[in-house]
Protein backbone atom coordinates (compact mmCIF):
# COMPACT_ATOMS: atom_id res chain seq x y z
CA MET A 1 143.75 131.96 96.18
CA ALA A 2 143.22 129.00 97.90
CA VAL A 3 140.20 126.58 96.87
CA GLN A 4 136.82 127.37 98.62
CA ASN A 5 134.25 125.10 97.28
CA PHE A 6 134.27 122.33 94.74
CA GLU A 7 133.51 125.03 91.71
CA GLY A 8 137.26 125.94 92.35
CA VAL A 9 138.13 122.14 91.95
CA LEU A 10 136.46 122.00 88.69
CA ALA A 11 138.21 125.82 87.60
CA TYR A 12 141.39 123.87 87.83
CA VAL A 13 140.64 120.33 85.88
CA GLY A 14 138.14 121.88 83.64
CA GLY A 15 134.44 121.67 84.37
CA CYS A 16 133.15 121.10 80.44
CA GLY A 17 135.70 119.41 78.38
CA CYS A 18 136.48 115.88 76.60
CA TYR A 19 135.74 114.10 80.18
CA GLN A 20 131.97 115.68 80.51
CA GLY A 21 131.39 114.91 77.17
CA ILE A 22 132.26 111.17 77.98
CA LEU A 23 130.30 111.24 80.77
CA PHE A 24 127.61 112.70 78.87
CA GLY A 25 127.73 109.51 76.70
CA VAL A 26 127.34 107.38 79.50
CA ALA A 27 124.49 109.20 80.94
CA ALA A 28 123.01 108.93 77.43
CA VAL A 29 123.47 104.97 77.90
CA LEU A 30 122.09 104.98 81.45
CA ASN A 31 118.83 107.10 80.45
CA ILE A 32 117.97 104.14 77.68
CA PHE A 33 118.24 101.55 80.43
CA VAL A 34 115.71 103.71 82.83
CA ALA A 35 113.22 103.74 79.70
CA PHE A 36 113.56 99.93 78.96
CA VAL A 37 113.58 98.85 82.45
CA TYR A 38 110.78 100.78 84.06
CA PHE A 39 108.51 100.21 80.89
CA GLY A 40 109.90 97.65 79.22
CA GLN A 41 107.43 95.30 81.66
CA MET A 42 104.33 97.33 80.48
CA PHE A 43 104.83 95.31 76.92
CA MET A 44 105.50 92.09 78.86
CA THR A 45 102.23 92.29 80.07
CA LEU A 46 99.81 93.87 77.39
CA THR A 47 96.42 91.57 77.12
CA PRO A 48 95.85 91.10 73.37
CA PRO A 49 92.03 91.20 71.89
CA HIS A 50 90.80 87.94 72.87
CA TRP A 51 87.41 85.75 73.27
CA CYS A 52 86.22 82.52 74.31
CA ARG A 53 87.46 79.25 72.65
CA PRO A 54 84.41 77.56 71.19
CA PRO A 55 83.62 73.78 72.72
CA PRO A 56 85.31 71.34 70.62
CA GLY A 57 83.61 69.02 68.57
CA LEU A 58 82.04 71.65 65.91
CA GLU A 59 84.27 71.03 63.12
CA HIS A 60 81.76 69.48 61.14
CA LEU A 61 79.53 72.05 61.07
CA ASN A 62 82.13 73.58 58.43
CA LEU A 63 81.40 77.10 59.93
CA THR A 64 84.56 79.63 59.29
CA GLU A 65 86.59 81.47 61.88
CA GLY A 66 84.41 84.14 61.78
CA GLN A 67 80.79 82.36 61.59
CA LEU A 68 82.02 80.53 64.75
CA LYS A 69 83.09 83.31 67.15
CA GLU A 70 79.43 84.64 66.08
CA LEU A 71 77.66 81.82 66.75
CA THR A 72 79.52 81.02 70.27
CA VAL A 73 80.50 84.75 71.59
CA PRO A 74 78.09 87.31 72.79
CA ARG A 75 78.43 90.97 72.02
CA ARG A 76 78.05 94.17 74.35
CA ALA A 77 75.19 96.96 73.27
CA ASP A 78 78.14 98.29 71.34
CA GLY A 79 78.62 95.83 69.08
CA GLU A 80 81.86 94.45 70.73
CA TYR A 81 82.62 90.72 71.51
CA LEU A 82 82.88 89.50 75.11
CA SER A 83 86.22 88.60 76.69
CA CYS A 84 85.02 86.37 79.14
CA ALA A 85 81.49 84.69 78.39
CA ARG A 86 79.92 82.30 75.66
CA TYR A 87 76.92 81.36 74.74
CA ASP A 88 76.11 77.58 76.53
CA VAL A 89 73.95 76.18 74.27
CA ASN A 90 73.96 73.08 72.22
CA PHE A 91 75.59 74.41 68.84
CA THR A 92 75.59 71.69 66.87
CA GLN A 93 71.38 71.31 67.53
CA VAL A 94 71.06 74.74 67.02
CA VAL A 95 72.91 75.06 63.26
CA GLU A 96 71.57 71.65 62.58
CA SER A 97 67.84 73.07 63.03
CA ASN A 98 68.32 76.04 61.03
CA LEU A 99 67.64 78.27 64.15
CA SER A 100 68.05 81.82 63.80
CA TRP A 101 71.23 82.33 65.59
CA PRO A 102 72.79 83.76 67.99
CA ASP A 103 70.26 84.65 70.30
CA SER A 104 70.90 87.42 72.81
CA THR A 105 68.61 85.42 75.03
CA TRP A 106 70.79 82.53 74.97
CA PRO A 107 72.00 81.68 78.52
CA LEU A 108 75.96 82.40 79.14
CA THR A 109 78.79 80.44 81.18
CA SER A 110 82.64 81.49 81.34
CA CYS A 111 85.83 80.47 78.77
CA THR A 112 85.61 76.84 79.89
CA HIS A 113 87.63 75.61 77.00
CA GLY A 114 90.37 78.85 77.32
CA TRP A 115 90.71 81.72 74.72
CA ILE A 116 91.77 82.36 71.34
CA TYR A 117 93.77 85.66 70.94
CA ASN A 118 93.72 88.24 68.41
CA PHE A 119 97.83 88.91 67.42
CA SER A 120 97.42 91.08 64.40
CA LEU A 121 97.95 93.78 65.97
CA TYR A 122 99.77 92.38 68.81
CA TYR A 123 102.38 89.35 69.82
CA PRO A 124 102.28 86.52 72.07
CA THR A 125 102.75 88.33 75.97
CA ILE A 126 103.14 86.44 79.14
CA THR A 127 99.44 87.68 80.00
CA SER A 128 98.42 85.38 76.75
CA GLN A 129 101.35 82.26 77.26
CA LEU A 130 99.46 81.66 80.98
CA ASP A 131 96.29 83.19 80.16
CA TRP A 132 96.11 85.79 82.73
CA VAL A 133 92.71 87.28 81.55
CA CYS A 134 89.12 87.39 82.91
CA ASP A 135 89.32 85.90 86.74
CA GLU A 136 93.00 86.04 86.22
CA ASP A 137 93.74 89.71 84.88
CA TRP A 138 94.70 90.66 88.59
CA ARG A 139 97.93 89.09 87.53
CA PRO A 140 99.77 91.65 85.56
CA ALA A 141 98.88 94.31 87.84
CA LEU A 142 100.65 92.54 90.90
CA ALA A 143 103.55 91.59 89.15
CA GLN A 144 103.99 95.40 88.25
CA SER A 145 103.26 96.13 91.34
CA LEU A 146 105.84 93.93 93.08
CA PHE A 147 108.35 96.18 91.09
CA PHE A 148 107.31 98.74 93.06
CA VAL A 149 107.70 96.60 96.48
CA GLY A 150 111.10 95.92 94.99
CA SER A 151 112.37 99.42 94.63
CA MET A 152 110.49 100.18 98.31
CA VAL A 153 113.40 97.78 99.35
CA GLY A 154 116.19 98.98 97.35
CA SER A 155 116.05 102.75 97.40
CA PRO A 156 117.27 102.69 101.27
CA SER A 157 119.14 99.54 101.54
CA LEU A 158 121.09 100.48 98.25
CA GLY A 159 121.52 104.12 99.14
CA TRP A 160 122.82 103.06 102.34
CA ALA A 161 125.65 100.69 100.43
CA ALA A 162 126.58 103.53 98.42
CA ASP A 163 127.51 105.06 101.31
CA ILE A 164 129.52 102.43 102.52
CA TRP A 165 130.89 100.97 99.44
CA GLY A 166 130.72 103.69 97.25
CA ARG A 167 128.28 104.85 94.24
CA LEU A 168 130.25 103.41 91.27
CA PRO A 169 129.95 99.74 92.73
CA ILE A 170 126.67 100.33 93.11
CA ILE A 171 126.12 101.76 89.76
CA VAL A 172 127.31 98.88 87.81
CA PHE A 173 126.18 96.07 90.46
CA THR A 174 122.35 97.48 90.27
CA ASN A 175 122.31 96.99 86.42
CA LEU A 176 124.33 93.50 86.77
CA LEU A 177 121.65 92.28 89.16
CA GLY A 178 118.97 94.02 87.21
CA GLY A 179 120.01 92.57 84.46
CA ALA A 180 120.46 89.38 85.36
CA ALA A 181 116.80 89.15 86.87
CA GLY A 182 115.44 90.58 83.21
CA VAL A 183 116.49 87.98 81.70
CA ALA A 184 115.70 85.47 84.28
CA SER A 185 112.17 86.77 83.80
CA ALA A 186 111.90 85.89 80.25
CA PHE A 187 112.42 81.91 81.19
CA SER A 188 109.21 82.25 83.33
CA ASP A 189 106.50 79.48 83.34
CA SER A 190 104.94 80.79 86.59
CA PHE A 191 103.13 83.70 88.13
CA ALA A 192 105.58 82.89 90.82
CA MET A 193 108.97 83.01 88.97
CA PHE A 194 107.72 86.23 86.64
CA ALA A 195 106.83 88.45 90.03
CA ALA A 196 110.12 87.28 91.35
CA CYS A 197 111.88 88.16 88.95
CA ARG A 198 110.09 91.74 88.76
CA PHE A 199 110.83 91.87 92.40
CA PHE A 200 114.41 91.86 92.08
CA VAL A 201 114.35 94.38 88.74
CA GLY A 202 112.81 96.75 91.03
CA VAL A 203 115.54 96.88 93.62
CA THR A 204 117.76 97.96 91.33
CA HIS A 205 116.04 100.18 88.86
CA GLU A 206 116.10 103.44 91.07
CA GLN A 207 119.63 103.49 92.22
CA GLN A 208 121.01 102.49 88.53
CA GLY A 209 119.95 106.14 87.58
CA LEU A 210 119.91 108.02 90.52
CA VAL A 211 123.41 107.50 91.97
CA ALA A 212 124.75 107.85 88.47
CA PHE A 213 122.63 111.19 88.09
CA VAL A 214 124.57 112.38 91.62
CA LEU A 215 128.15 111.43 90.49
CA PHE A 216 127.83 112.79 87.12
CA LEU A 217 127.09 116.23 87.77
CA GLU A 218 129.57 116.45 90.46
CA TYR A 219 132.14 116.70 87.81
CA VAL A 220 130.36 119.02 85.65
CA ALA A 221 130.82 122.67 85.95
CA PRO A 222 127.90 125.27 87.86
CA GLU A 223 126.63 126.67 84.42
CA TYR A 224 126.16 123.26 82.96
CA ARG A 225 125.22 121.33 85.18
CA THR A 226 121.45 122.37 84.55
CA LEU A 227 122.29 120.77 80.68
CA MET A 228 123.98 117.48 82.54
CA ALA A 229 120.76 117.32 84.43
CA ASN A 230 118.02 117.55 82.02
CA VAL A 231 119.49 117.06 77.94
CA PRO A 232 120.41 113.46 78.57
CA VAL A 233 116.77 112.78 80.29
CA MET A 234 115.11 115.34 77.26
CA LEU A 235 117.02 113.36 74.50
CA PHE A 236 117.53 109.83 75.71
CA LEU A 237 115.11 108.60 77.85
CA THR A 238 112.81 110.14 75.17
CA LEU A 239 114.40 108.00 72.74
CA GLY A 240 113.99 105.15 74.43
CA MET A 241 110.27 105.61 75.33
CA CYS A 242 109.33 105.88 71.85
CA ALA A 243 111.73 103.31 70.57
CA LEU A 244 110.37 100.82 72.88
CA PRO A 245 106.90 100.07 71.51
CA TRP A 246 108.28 99.51 67.82
CA ILE A 247 111.20 97.50 69.22
CA ALA A 248 108.37 95.06 70.85
CA LEU A 249 106.59 94.78 67.79
CA ALA A 250 109.32 93.96 65.53
CA LEU A 251 110.70 90.94 67.86
CA ALA A 252 106.78 89.79 68.30
CA GLN A 253 107.52 87.64 71.64
CA TRP A 254 107.73 88.65 74.86
CA ARG A 255 110.34 86.49 76.23
CA THR A 256 112.55 88.06 73.08
CA LEU A 257 111.80 91.56 73.80
CA ALA A 258 112.75 90.94 78.11
CA LEU A 259 116.22 89.37 76.77
CA ALA A 260 116.80 92.28 74.47
CA LEU A 261 115.40 94.85 77.14
CA HIS A 262 117.91 93.91 79.93
CA ALA A 263 120.84 91.78 78.39
CA VAL A 264 122.09 95.22 77.66
CA GLN A 265 122.45 96.31 80.95
CA PHE A 266 125.47 93.75 81.11
CA LEU A 267 127.35 96.34 78.93
CA SER A 268 127.48 98.38 82.43
CA VAL A 269 130.85 96.68 83.40
CA ALA A 270 132.43 99.53 80.86
CA PHE A 271 131.45 101.83 83.32
CA ILE A 272 134.48 100.62 85.67
CA TRP A 273 137.19 101.90 83.37
CA VAL A 274 135.24 104.85 82.33
CA VAL A 275 133.03 106.39 85.05
CA PRO A 276 135.03 107.95 88.12
CA GLU A 277 134.23 107.84 91.79
CA SER A 278 132.50 110.16 93.46
CA ALA A 279 134.77 112.68 94.69
CA ARG A 280 132.74 113.54 97.64
CA TRP A 281 132.57 110.17 99.06
CA LEU A 282 136.04 109.70 98.49
CA LEU A 283 137.01 112.85 100.55
CA SER A 284 134.33 111.58 103.28
CA GLN A 285 136.03 108.39 103.47
CA GLY A 286 139.00 110.69 103.97
CA ARG A 287 140.43 109.20 100.36
CA VAL A 288 142.19 112.45 99.57
CA GLY A 289 145.14 110.65 97.43
CA ASP A 290 142.80 108.59 95.44
CA THR A 291 140.48 111.68 94.71
CA LEU A 292 143.47 113.95 93.96
CA LYS A 293 144.00 111.09 91.25
CA ILE A 294 140.88 111.03 89.36
CA LEU A 295 141.03 115.05 89.31
CA GLN A 296 144.44 114.71 87.30
CA LYS A 297 142.37 112.02 85.31
CA VAL A 298 140.07 114.56 84.74
CA ALA A 299 142.55 117.77 84.02
CA LYS A 300 144.63 115.26 81.63
CA VAL A 301 141.66 114.70 79.21
CA ASN A 302 140.33 117.78 79.10
CA GLY A 303 143.74 119.00 78.21
CA VAL A 304 144.77 120.65 81.19
CA ALA A 305 148.48 121.15 82.78
CA VAL A 306 148.34 119.81 85.87
CA THR A 307 151.51 122.28 88.12
CA PRO A 308 152.55 121.42 91.59
CA LYS A 309 151.21 124.70 92.84
CA MET A 310 147.73 123.45 91.28
CA MET A 311 148.13 120.28 93.36
CA GLN A 312 149.03 121.41 96.68
CA GLU A 313 146.01 123.79 96.54
CA LEU A 314 143.77 120.98 95.41
CA LYS A 315 145.28 118.71 97.89
CA ALA A 316 144.61 121.15 101.02
CA TYR A 317 140.80 121.51 99.87
CA GLY A 318 140.36 117.87 99.87
CA GLU A 319 141.82 117.70 103.55
CA LYS A 320 139.55 120.63 104.50
CA GLN A 321 136.25 118.73 102.84
CA ALA A 322 137.14 115.38 104.60
CA VAL A 323 137.27 116.84 107.80
CA THR A 324 134.30 118.85 106.88
CA GLN A 325 131.89 115.37 105.49
CA SER A 326 133.06 113.60 108.60
CA SER A 327 131.50 116.22 110.96
CA ARG A 328 128.44 115.92 109.19
CA GLN A 329 127.63 112.32 109.90
CA GLY A 330 124.85 111.09 112.02
CA VAL A 331 122.09 113.48 110.89
CA THR A 332 119.11 111.22 110.04
CA THR A 333 115.33 112.06 108.44
CA PHE A 334 114.24 111.85 112.20
CA ASP A 335 115.84 115.31 112.54
CA LEU A 336 113.71 116.58 109.85
CA PHE A 337 110.91 116.23 112.45
CA LYS A 338 112.63 117.77 115.26
CA THR A 339 111.74 121.45 114.24
CA PRO A 340 108.05 122.89 113.13
CA VAL A 341 109.12 124.67 110.10
CA LEU A 342 111.01 121.60 108.59
CA ARG A 343 108.87 118.84 109.61
CA ARG A 344 105.90 120.55 107.61
CA ARG A 345 107.95 121.41 104.76
CA PHE A 346 109.02 117.40 104.43
CA LEU A 347 105.38 116.46 105.13
CA VAL A 348 104.26 118.37 101.89
CA LEU A 349 107.42 117.50 100.18
CA CYS A 350 105.98 113.80 100.34
CA VAL A 351 102.72 114.44 99.56
CA MET A 352 104.04 116.15 96.32
CA TRP A 353 106.46 113.27 96.06
CA VAL A 354 103.42 110.52 96.47
CA ALA A 355 100.86 112.77 94.11
CA MET A 356 103.17 112.92 91.17
CA THR A 357 104.66 109.25 91.39
CA VAL A 358 101.09 107.98 91.15
CA ALA A 359 100.02 110.31 88.62
CA TYR A 360 103.01 109.95 86.33
CA ASP A 361 102.58 106.10 86.45
CA GLY A 362 98.87 105.73 86.42
CA PHE A 363 99.00 108.39 83.10
CA MET A 364 101.62 105.97 81.28
CA ARG A 365 100.16 102.94 82.14
CA ASN A 366 96.54 103.72 81.19
CA THR A 367 97.99 104.64 77.47
CA ALA A 368 97.46 101.11 76.61
CA ASN A 369 93.33 101.73 77.12
CA ILE A 370 92.89 105.08 74.93
CA GLY A 371 93.08 105.56 71.45
CA TYR A 372 93.51 103.23 68.79
CA ASP A 373 96.63 101.76 68.72
CA ALA A 374 98.38 101.54 71.86
CA PHE A 375 102.01 101.45 70.42
CA LEU A 376 101.34 104.97 68.69
CA SER A 377 99.95 106.21 71.78
CA PHE A 378 102.46 105.10 73.59
CA THR A 379 105.30 106.51 71.50
CA ILE A 380 103.30 110.32 71.15
CA ALA A 381 103.27 110.17 75.03
CA GLY A 382 106.82 109.38 74.92
CA LEU A 383 107.50 112.32 72.89
CA LEU A 384 105.84 114.34 75.11
CA GLU A 385 108.92 113.96 77.18
CA PHE A 386 110.95 116.32 75.17
CA PRO A 387 108.47 119.66 75.09
CA ALA A 388 107.66 118.81 78.69
CA ASP A 389 111.64 119.11 80.11
CA LEU A 390 111.80 122.01 77.56
CA LEU A 391 109.32 123.91 79.30
CA MET A 392 110.11 122.91 83.15
CA MET A 393 113.84 124.32 82.50
CA VAL A 394 112.26 127.46 81.02
CA THR A 395 109.62 127.80 83.54
CA THR A 396 111.32 126.94 87.04
CA GLU A 397 113.67 129.72 85.68
CA TRP A 398 110.88 132.48 85.28
CA LEU A 399 107.99 131.40 87.60
CA GLY A 400 109.85 129.51 90.33
CA ARG A 401 109.83 126.00 91.64
CA ARG A 402 106.74 126.40 93.64
CA HIS A 403 104.07 127.52 91.27
CA THR A 404 105.46 125.55 88.23
CA THR A 405 104.91 122.52 90.73
CA VAL A 406 101.52 123.74 92.05
CA GLY A 407 100.29 124.51 88.31
CA SER A 408 101.60 121.54 86.36
CA LEU A 409 100.03 119.39 88.94
CA VAL A 410 97.00 121.08 89.25
CA LEU A 411 96.06 121.53 85.65
CA CYS A 412 97.32 118.06 85.02
CA GLY A 413 94.05 116.87 87.88
CA VAL A 414 91.75 119.01 85.92
CA SER A 415 92.54 117.73 82.48
CA ALA A 416 92.16 114.04 84.13
CA LEU A 417 88.18 115.22 85.71
CA CYS A 418 87.96 116.47 82.13
CA ILE A 419 88.86 113.19 80.95
CA ALA A 420 86.24 111.48 83.18
CA ALA A 421 83.57 113.80 82.14
CA ILE A 422 84.32 112.87 78.43
CA PRO A 423 81.87 109.99 76.67
CA GLU A 424 84.30 107.07 76.16
CA ASP A 425 83.22 106.76 72.45
CA ASN A 426 85.20 110.33 71.91
CA THR A 427 88.08 108.61 71.48
CA LEU A 428 89.79 111.45 70.22
CA ALA A 429 88.76 113.86 72.83
CA VAL A 430 89.95 111.45 75.05
CA MET A 431 93.08 110.67 73.72
CA VAL A 432 93.98 114.31 73.42
CA MET A 433 93.26 115.44 77.15
CA ALA A 434 95.23 112.14 78.32
CA PHE A 435 98.18 113.38 76.39
CA VAL A 436 97.74 117.05 77.87
CA GLY A 437 97.87 115.22 81.62
CA ARG A 438 100.74 113.12 80.31
CA PHE A 439 102.53 116.46 79.22
CA LEU A 440 101.71 118.29 82.49
CA ILE A 441 102.56 115.68 84.69
CA THR A 442 106.32 114.70 83.38
CA VAL A 443 106.69 118.67 83.73
CA THR A 444 105.70 118.03 87.46
CA MET A 445 108.04 114.79 87.86
CA ASN A 446 110.90 116.73 86.55
CA VAL A 447 110.83 119.80 88.77
CA GLY A 448 110.09 117.44 91.42
CA HIS A 449 113.34 115.80 91.46
CA GLN A 450 115.08 119.13 91.76
CA TYR A 451 112.83 120.88 94.19
CA PRO A 452 113.37 118.79 97.36
CA VAL A 453 117.02 118.87 96.83
CA GLU A 454 116.82 123.02 97.29
CA VAL A 455 114.22 122.76 100.27
CA LEU A 456 115.99 120.50 102.60
CA PRO A 457 119.33 120.81 104.26
CA THR A 458 122.66 119.10 103.16
CA VAL A 459 123.24 117.20 105.81
CA ALA A 460 119.88 115.33 105.77
CA ARG A 461 119.11 116.05 101.97
CA GLY A 462 120.17 112.31 100.94
CA GLN A 463 118.38 110.83 103.54
CA GLY A 464 115.20 113.28 103.06
CA MET A 465 115.03 112.21 99.48
CA GLY A 466 115.60 108.32 100.18
CA THR A 467 112.10 108.58 102.19
CA MET A 468 110.31 110.33 99.80
CA GLN A 469 111.48 108.01 97.21
CA THR A 470 110.36 104.92 99.53
CA LEU A 471 106.99 106.64 100.17
CA GLY A 472 106.60 106.87 96.17
CA PHE A 473 107.42 103.46 95.44
CA ALA A 474 104.95 102.61 98.07
CA SER A 475 101.99 104.51 96.89
CA ALA A 476 103.16 103.57 93.08
CA PHE A 477 102.33 99.94 94.03
CA ALA A 478 98.66 101.08 93.66
CA SER A 479 98.82 102.73 90.33
CA PRO A 480 98.36 99.28 88.42
CA TYR A 481 95.18 98.65 90.18
CA ILE A 482 93.78 102.17 89.75
CA VAL A 483 94.82 101.34 85.99
CA TYR A 484 92.72 98.16 86.50
CA LEU A 485 89.84 100.16 87.58
CA SER A 486 88.90 100.79 83.61
CA LYS A 487 87.68 97.46 83.87
CA TYR A 488 84.49 98.67 85.94
CA SER A 489 84.51 102.42 84.17
CA TYR A 490 87.30 103.90 81.57
CA SER A 491 86.54 106.82 83.62
CA LEU A 492 87.14 105.87 87.04
CA PRO A 493 91.70 105.62 87.18
CA TYR A 494 91.33 109.29 86.04
CA VAL A 495 88.92 110.77 88.95
CA ILE A 496 91.09 109.43 91.29
CA MET A 497 94.39 110.60 89.70
CA GLY A 498 92.62 113.96 89.34
CA VAL A 499 91.67 114.19 92.63
CA ILE A 500 95.50 113.19 94.23
CA THR A 501 97.01 115.68 91.65
CA MET A 502 94.98 118.57 92.56
CA VAL A 503 95.15 117.74 96.07
CA GLY A 504 98.84 117.37 96.00
CA GLY A 505 99.19 120.49 93.51
CA LEU A 506 97.00 122.65 96.33
CA THR A 507 99.20 121.43 99.35
CA CYS A 508 102.52 122.71 97.54
CA LEU A 509 101.72 126.20 98.04
CA LEU A 510 102.97 125.48 101.62
CA LEU A 511 106.34 125.05 100.15
CA PRO A 512 108.83 127.92 100.10
CA GLU A 513 110.23 129.56 96.61
CA THR A 514 113.66 128.82 95.90
CA LEU A 515 114.80 130.34 93.04
CA HIS A 516 117.64 132.51 93.46
CA GLU A 517 118.03 131.90 96.97
CA ASN A 518 121.16 130.24 99.03
CA LEU A 519 120.44 126.82 99.91
CA PRO A 520 120.18 125.59 103.57
CA ASP A 521 123.68 123.51 104.86
CA THR A 522 122.46 122.98 108.42
CA LEU A 523 119.45 121.94 110.17
CA GLU A 524 119.04 125.19 111.41
CA ASP A 525 119.33 126.90 108.15
CA GLY A 526 116.24 124.58 107.04
CA GLU A 527 114.33 125.83 110.00
CA THR A 528 115.19 129.46 108.85
CA PHE A 529 116.13 129.93 105.31
CA PHE A 530 113.75 131.00 103.12
CA GLY A 531 111.56 132.79 105.43
CA GLY A 532 109.45 135.85 105.04
CA GLN A 533 107.74 134.56 102.06
CA THR A 534 103.99 134.82 101.53
CA LEU A 535 101.60 132.20 99.65
CA CYS A 536 101.73 134.95 96.57
CA TYR A 537 105.31 135.57 96.60
CA ASN A 538 106.47 135.12 92.80
CA PRO A 539 110.18 135.13 91.96
CA CYS A 540 109.17 136.50 88.58
CA GLY A 541 110.87 139.08 86.91
CA ALA A 542 113.22 139.26 89.86
CA ARG A 543 117.03 139.47 89.01
CA LYS A 544 119.77 137.62 90.89
CA GLU A 545 120.96 139.70 93.18
CA LYS A 546 123.65 137.43 95.36
CA SER A 547 127.18 137.65 93.86
CA ALA A 548 130.02 134.98 93.06
CA LYS A 549 131.47 136.37 96.34
CA ASP A 550 128.34 135.20 98.00
CA ASP A 551 128.40 131.93 96.80
CA VAL A 552 131.76 131.33 97.97
CA GLU A 553 131.47 132.58 101.44
CA LYS A 554 128.33 130.47 101.69
CA GLY A 555 129.91 127.44 100.13
CA VAL A 556 126.43 127.14 97.95
CA ASP A 557 126.91 124.39 95.10
CA ASN A 558 124.51 123.68 92.73
CA PRO A 559 121.40 121.92 94.12
CA ALA A 560 121.71 118.41 92.43
CA PHE A 561 125.21 118.32 93.56
CA GLU A 562 124.40 118.59 96.99
CA THR A 563 122.63 114.94 96.90
CA THR A 564 125.25 112.83 97.64
CA ARG A 565 124.32 111.02 100.80
CA LEU A 566 121.97 108.27 98.63
């Protein structure tokens, strides 16, 4: 029987063997890289506890450091020392005249002589080195926002480059460029240089993992693709996140941390000899011979004997697929706006992507503002990735994509609003609800990467995803500033995130349910598929009716596998 789709190709060369095990190992390494690159900047820009340095010339008073702090630094109503103000009096006269001190009625001034930083639970960061505190505390937020500006530039441009030059060169290039920019940031002595480095790291960040994600799934049999897509994230992204705070504490210096986190990206050069080029991309370029060479290698590593008949059938499929892929060229994101159903669905997907991006990044960044220990809080938040990934894999196959997305977003919004209503001094309750929200938005983030792939038609899927990612990065630019608002009120960031996620979740009710449904290939399919569903339609308990024969006739592939046009 002639090969009809890529599942048939994998049936010949092996869809779950030693070769796929190698790719799994590479996926594990890349997920650790992603965790280090994305979250590492938070630990470079942490703000240690600080207070105003006393004026010079007070050494003759023979006061201890604690007494000097008590004399010069005012307290808040809760007893905590102010970080950005000191008393403005003649301290020598106060001490020598045996007056009672401090006096809350004394006039205040800014930290005109710099700051003292408490490194007992922290370490020197670029924030403390360059005094990005008080009136300059906007600089860390802006530097991290520029990371997302870089992602806005890099996602569409590098996606286009992947279509021109191939997936593998972009995987290696993005890791090398991102690694070089990250290492360079370790030598930053000014805001301009650090911000520029974070921008170029952001340019490469998204494509480091996304291009590889699609490429790896291409070589895995359908029944194992869910595992290949989620297990590396569930295990190794979680591992990278949980290890990161303790690596930072062990190195105890932000420059060393930057070097350690980004230098490992240079190991990606080895991918040239380990990772195959995308078979679909090769076929779209008419390179059938190169595709067959890769498939022969896959078969050999998997211990499958290659026969002349097998090669003839693979060649016939490759030539047919090359023509089919070429015929799909020319469709753009703008085609998704030409018909009413596709237009509505695409706009809703954009709203969903913006909501989950802002909330995910906001919850993670605000971890440093809650709890007793920012490092422990971040580790606990990282550990939540594992059960959240596991729950997503279960609920999307039981409740479906739509209700998993709507439920997790709305409940995340409720948890955020609950935090805003809890008094700030009830630290335990705030921590618990923050972790609940973090767990729920992680569920959304995981299903959110799969859901659009199943709704958008194949011919515009890659460009549609690229547009959504660009909008997501544009919205993520605001997330550091949302967290920054905790300077004025600890509850304000959670009110904003709560409203955004609830609105985003309720909007997703307008999306179709795609569980057990054939996926759209053409623009016409995208306009008519999933029709007849009501807002209350729930596939819970429904049994999959389509047969393997239906799949072959319709050419339905794994949804994640179809995101090839990056």
